[in-house]
Amino acid sequence: MSNLIFPALARAGLFVSIVIHELGHALIYRVFFEKAAGILRSAPVDTVSGV
């Protein structure tokens, strides 16, 4: 019985760690893209007001 339980727990733990890892990347990318989008959005306004 334990021969079936432990590999299943190991696989579940690996899956959870991968999901958390990917969510971390998604969060980092989201913050990065939001900052980049904010810079791109503010850039035309700055150039127009500067001209």
C-alpha atoms as a PDB file:
ATOM      1  CA  MET A   1       0.000   0.000   0.000  1.00  0.00           C
ATOM      2  CA  SER A   2       2.740   2.473   0.923  1.00  0.00           C
ATOM      3  CA  ASN A   3       4.431   1.632  -2.391  1.00  0.00           C
ATOM      4  CA  LEU A   4       1.484   3.292  -4.130  1.00  0.00           C
ATOM      5  CA  ILE A   5       1.017   6.192  -1.727  1.00  0.00           C
ATOM      6  CA  PHE A   6       4.564   7.577  -1.648  1.00  0.00           C
ATOM      7  CA  PRO A   7       5.079   7.898  -5.433  1.00  0.00           C
ATOM      8  CA  ALA A   8       1.661   9.535  -5.681  1.00  0.00           C
ATOM      9  CA  LEU A   9       2.613  12.025  -2.955  1.00  0.00           C
ATOM     10  CA  ALA A  10       5.937  12.671  -4.682  1.00  0.00           C
ATOM     11  CA  ARG A  11       4.172  13.326  -7.986  1.00  0.00           C
ATOM     12  CA  ALA A  12       1.603  15.565  -6.297  1.00  0.00           C
ATOM     13  CA  GLY A  13       4.367  17.522  -4.557  1.00  0.00           C
ATOM     14  CA  LEU A  14       6.251  17.922  -7.815  1.00  0.00           C
ATOM     15  CA  PHE A  15       3.082  19.080  -9.585  1.00  0.00           C
ATOM     16  CA  VAL A  16       2.296  21.602  -6.841  1.00  0.00           C
ATOM     17  CA  SER A  17       5.832  22.960  -6.892  1.00  0.00           C
ATOM     18  CA  ILE A  18       5.701  23.331 -10.681  1.00  0.00           C
ATOM     19  CA  VAL A  19       2.350  25.136 -10.474  1.00  0.00           C
ATOM     20  CA  ILE A  20       3.673  27.515  -7.794  1.00  0.00           C
ATOM     21  CA  HIS A  21       6.812  28.076  -9.890  1.00  0.00           C
ATOM     22  CA  GLU A  22       4.772  28.906 -13.001  1.00  0.00           C
ATOM     23  CA  LEU A  23       2.450  31.196 -11.026  1.00  0.00           C
ATOM     24  CA  GLY A  24       5.524  33.026  -9.748  1.00  0.00           C
ATOM     25  CA  HIS A  25       6.725  33.534 -13.309  1.00  0.00           C
ATOM     26  CA  ALA A  26       3.265  34.688 -14.398  1.00  0.00           C
ATOM     27  CA  LEU A  27       3.200  37.244 -11.587  1.00  0.00           C
ATOM     28  CA  ILE A  28       6.668  38.547 -12.474  1.00  0.00           C
ATOM     29  CA  TYR A  29       5.766  38.802 -16.167  1.00  0.00           C
ATOM     30  CA  ARG A  30       2.499  40.555 -15.339  1.00  0.00           C
ATOM     31  CA  VAL A  31       4.244  43.174 -13.208  1.00  0.00           C
ATOM     32  CA  PHE A  32       6.917  43.640 -15.881  1.00  0.00           C
ATOM     33  CA  PHE A  33       4.385  44.016 -18.701  1.00  0.00           C
ATOM     34  CA  GLU A  34       2.234  46.395 -16.659  1.00  0.00           C
ATOM     35  CA  LYS A  35       5.268  48.599 -16.014  1.00  0.00           C
ATOM     36  CA  ALA A  36       6.299  48.426 -19.676  1.00  0.00           C
ATOM     37  CA  ALA A  37       2.732  49.228 -20.770  1.00  0.00           C
ATOM     38  CA  GLY A  38       2.624  52.140 -18.326  1.00  0.00           C
ATOM     39  CA  ILE A  39       5.869  53.512 -19.750  1.00  0.00           C
ATOM     40  CA  LEU A  40       4.583  53.109 -23.313  1.00  0.00           C
ATOM     41  CA  ARG A  41       1.294  54.763 -22.380  1.00  0.00           C
ATOM     42  CA  SER A  42       2.984  57.719 -20.690  1.00  0.00           C
ATOM     43  CA  ALA A  43       5.613  58.147 -23.433  1.00  0.00           C
ATOM     44  CA  PRO A  44       3.316  59.600 -26.150  1.00  0.00           C
ATOM     45  CA  VAL A  45       1.795  61.983 -23.595  1.00  0.00           C
ATOM     46  CA  ASP A  46       5.252  63.172 -22.577  1.00  0.00           C
ATOM     47  CA  THR A  47       6.389  63.698 -26.174  1.00  0.00           C
ATOM     48  CA  VAL A  48       3.177  65.521 -27.080  1.00  0.00           C
ATOM     49  CA  SER A  49       3.338  67.798 -24.026  1.00  0.00           C
ATOM     50  CA  GLY A  50       7.046  68.354 -24.643  1.00  0.00           C
ATOM     51  CA  VAL A  51       6.499  69.469 -28.243  1.00  0.00           C
END
